[in-house]
Protein backbone atom coordinates (compact mmCIF):
# COMPACT_ATOMS: atom_id res chain seq x y z
CA MET A 1 32.12 17.98 118.02
CA ASN A 2 35.17 16.43 116.32
CA GLN A 3 35.81 19.71 114.48
CA ILE A 4 35.55 21.71 117.72
CA VAL A 5 37.94 19.34 119.50
CA ALA A 6 40.32 19.44 116.51
CA LYS A 7 40.47 23.24 116.48
CA ASN A 8 40.84 23.49 120.27
CA ILE A 9 43.69 20.97 120.43
CA LYS A 10 45.57 22.63 117.59
CA ARG A 11 45.05 26.11 119.07
CA LEU A 12 46.13 25.03 122.55
CA ARG A 13 49.13 23.13 121.22
CA GLU A 14 50.26 26.17 119.23
CA GLU A 15 49.60 28.56 122.13
CA ASN A 16 51.81 26.34 124.31
CA LYS A 17 54.41 26.22 121.53
CA LEU A 18 54.34 22.43 121.42
CA SER A 19 55.23 20.39 118.37
CA MET A 20 53.25 17.24 117.56
CA ASP A 21 56.22 15.18 118.77
CA GLU A 22 56.33 17.04 122.09
CA LEU A 23 52.59 16.66 122.67
CA ALA A 24 52.83 12.95 121.78
CA LYS A 25 55.51 12.50 124.46
CA LEU A 26 53.61 14.54 127.06
CA SER A 27 50.26 12.84 126.45
CA GLY A 28 51.19 9.30 125.49
CA VAL A 29 49.04 9.64 122.35
CA SER A 30 50.84 8.82 119.10
CA LYS A 31 51.84 11.59 116.73
CA SER A 32 49.79 10.00 113.93
CA MET A 33 46.68 9.87 116.16
CA LEU A 34 47.21 13.53 117.19
CA ALA A 35 47.54 14.57 113.54
CA GLN A 36 44.37 12.68 112.68
CA ILE A 37 42.48 14.30 115.59
CA GLU A 38 43.72 17.80 114.68
CA ARG A 39 42.50 17.32 111.10
CA GLY A 40 39.08 16.39 112.48
CA ASP A 41 39.35 12.93 110.88
CA GLY A 42 39.69 10.98 114.12
CA ASN A 43 36.98 10.01 116.55
CA PRO A 44 38.95 10.16 119.81
CA THR A 45 37.74 8.41 122.93
CA ILE A 46 37.18 10.34 126.13
CA SER A 47 40.22 8.55 127.53
CA THR A 48 42.38 9.84 124.64
CA LEU A 49 41.09 13.39 125.17
CA TRP A 50 41.91 13.15 128.88
CA LYS A 51 45.47 12.10 128.01
CA ILE A 52 45.83 15.08 125.66
CA ALA A 53 44.33 17.51 128.20
CA ASN A 54 46.60 16.21 130.95
CA GLY A 55 49.62 16.32 128.65
CA MET A 56 48.96 20.00 127.90
CA LYS A 57 48.01 20.66 131.54
CA VAL A 58 44.63 22.15 130.59
CA PRO A 59 41.15 21.32 131.88
CA PHE A 60 39.28 18.69 129.88
CA ASP A 61 36.64 21.31 129.02
CA ALA A 62 39.29 23.33 127.19
CA LEU A 63 39.21 20.65 124.48
CA THR A 64 35.44 20.54 124.11
CA VAL A 65 34.41 24.16 124.63
CA ARG A 66 32.71 25.80 121.70
CA PRO A 67 34.77 28.78 120.60
CA LYS A 68 33.35 32.23 121.14
CA SER A 69 32.62 34.21 118.08
CA PRO A 70 35.17 36.97 117.44
CA TYR A 71 32.25 39.39 117.10
CA GLU A 72 28.87 39.94 118.68
CA ILE A 73 25.98 41.98 117.38
CA VAL A 74 23.65 43.18 120.10
CA LYS A 75 20.20 44.47 119.21
CA THR A 76 18.76 46.83 121.79
CA SER A 77 15.30 45.63 120.74
CA ASP A 78 16.24 42.12 121.99
CA ILE A 79 17.23 43.35 125.48
CA GLN A 80 14.78 43.75 128.34
CA PRO A 81 15.73 47.13 129.87
CA LEU A 82 16.02 47.82 133.57
CA LEU A 83 13.36 50.41 134.40
CA GLU A 84 13.62 53.34 136.80
CA ASP A 85 11.31 56.26 137.62
CA GLY A 86 8.16 54.31 136.78
CA GLY A 87 9.51 53.21 133.41
CA LYS A 88 10.60 56.72 132.32
CA VAL A 89 14.26 55.68 132.48
CA LYS A 90 15.22 52.64 130.41
CA ASN A 91 18.67 51.17 131.00
CA TYR A 92 19.85 48.57 128.46
CA SER A 93 22.84 46.45 129.48
CA ILE A 94 24.59 46.07 126.12
CA PHE A 95 27.81 44.43 127.31
CA PRO A 96 27.64 43.51 131.01
CA ASP A 97 30.73 43.46 133.18
CA ASN A 98 31.50 39.79 132.91
CA GLU A 99 34.31 37.61 131.63
CA ASN A 100 36.66 39.75 133.74
CA ARG A 101 36.34 42.63 131.29
CA ARG A 102 36.43 45.28 134.05
CA PHE A 103 33.95 47.43 132.16
CA ALA A 104 30.29 47.43 131.18
CA VAL A 105 28.49 49.25 128.36
CA TYR A 106 24.95 50.60 128.66
CA TYR A 107 22.47 52.42 126.43
CA LEU A 108 19.97 54.65 128.26
CA GLU A 109 16.79 56.43 127.27
CA LEU A 110 15.41 59.05 129.67
CA ASP A 111 11.92 60.40 128.99
CA GLU A 112 11.31 64.12 129.40
CA GLY A 113 11.34 65.08 133.11
CA SER A 114 12.65 61.68 134.27
CA TYR A 115 15.04 61.24 137.19
CA TRP A 116 17.18 58.37 138.43
CA GLU A 117 19.44 58.21 141.45
CA SER A 118 22.09 55.50 141.34
CA GLU A 119 23.59 53.77 144.31
CA PRO A 120 27.40 53.93 144.61
CA HIS A 121 29.30 51.48 142.44
CA LEU A 122 32.45 49.61 143.55
CA LYS A 123 35.23 51.77 144.97
CA GLY A 124 37.17 53.46 142.19
CA THR A 125 34.50 52.93 139.50
CA ILE A 126 34.50 55.62 136.82
CA GLU A 127 31.56 56.43 134.55
CA PHE A 128 31.97 57.71 131.01
CA ILE A 129 28.81 59.15 129.45
CA THR A 130 28.13 60.55 125.98
CA VAL A 131 24.80 62.21 125.25
CA PHE A 132 23.43 61.56 121.75
CA ALA A 133 20.06 63.32 122.13
CA GLY A 134 18.53 65.73 124.62
CA LYS A 135 20.03 67.31 127.72
CA ILE A 136 20.65 65.78 131.14
CA GLU A 137 21.79 66.99 134.51
CA ILE A 138 24.23 64.74 136.31
CA CYS A 139 24.87 65.22 140.00
CA ALA A 140 28.07 63.61 141.23
CA ASP A 141 30.46 64.47 144.04
CA ARG A 142 28.05 67.17 145.28
CA GLN A 143 28.28 68.99 141.94
CA SER A 144 25.79 69.43 139.11
CA PHE A 145 26.70 69.19 135.44
CA ALA A 146 24.47 69.93 132.44
CA VAL A 147 25.46 67.68 129.54
CA GLU A 148 23.75 67.89 126.16
CA LYS A 149 23.80 66.28 122.74
CA GLY A 150 27.36 65.94 121.45
CA GLU A 151 28.97 66.26 124.89
CA SER A 152 30.55 63.70 127.19
CA ILE A 153 31.36 63.56 130.88
CA ARG A 154 33.57 61.39 133.08
CA PHE A 155 33.19 61.13 136.86
CA ARG A 156 33.80 58.85 139.82
CA ALA A 157 30.74 56.73 140.42
CA ASP A 158 31.59 55.22 143.81
CA ALA A 159 29.22 57.62 145.57
CA VAL A 160 25.52 58.30 145.09
CA HIS A 161 24.96 60.08 141.76
CA SER A 162 21.92 61.00 139.71
CA TYR A 163 20.65 61.66 136.20
CA LYS A 164 17.80 64.01 135.30
CA ASN A 165 16.42 64.81 131.87
CA ILE A 166 16.30 68.63 131.88
CA GLY A 167 15.55 69.01 128.18
CA SER A 168 12.28 69.20 126.28
CA GLU A 169 12.77 65.85 124.50
CA PRO A 170 13.81 62.31 125.41
CA ALA A 171 17.52 62.00 126.21
CA VAL A 172 19.63 59.19 124.76
CA LEU A 173 23.01 58.37 126.21
CA HIS A 174 25.75 55.81 126.11
CA MET A 175 27.47 54.84 129.36
CA ILE A 176 30.64 52.91 130.10
CA LEU A 177 31.36 51.83 133.66
CA PHE A 178 35.03 51.11 134.29
CA ASN A 179 35.84 48.98 137.33
CA PRO A 180 39.52 49.12 138.28
């Protein structure tokens, strides 16, 4: 935990463009104690961490939060898919729309002859789909589009829309939902 706190304090101090002297004045914690904490050598009390957090005007948790990895490997085999059409349509949420990303990434497998009708998404949502295997029919905005392997389509998804595998093999597609 000391190493996590050390890295967080240093990162936050640098992000706020504060020198050790400035943070010492703002927090009431000595420069030598701050240096020791940032090296991970110190064992600061909760009271000391509160002083540092208040001095930088950040939540206490900002000092203790474990950093997120700069990368993430997602294995489709580890994800429980959402099933439609009696399990013939498998929808894997690879990167859900969280952390205020404003987009979500999905991987879909549609068995031969499968069909799925989606409810409207939030107003202004746009879908981007690339087909990697098979052939699908997408109905959106009262129009039908045949999209096959190696092709992509973009459409507004804030109205009812549907996907149908019209090929003679399973269809595999990648979908990005953009939420403005």
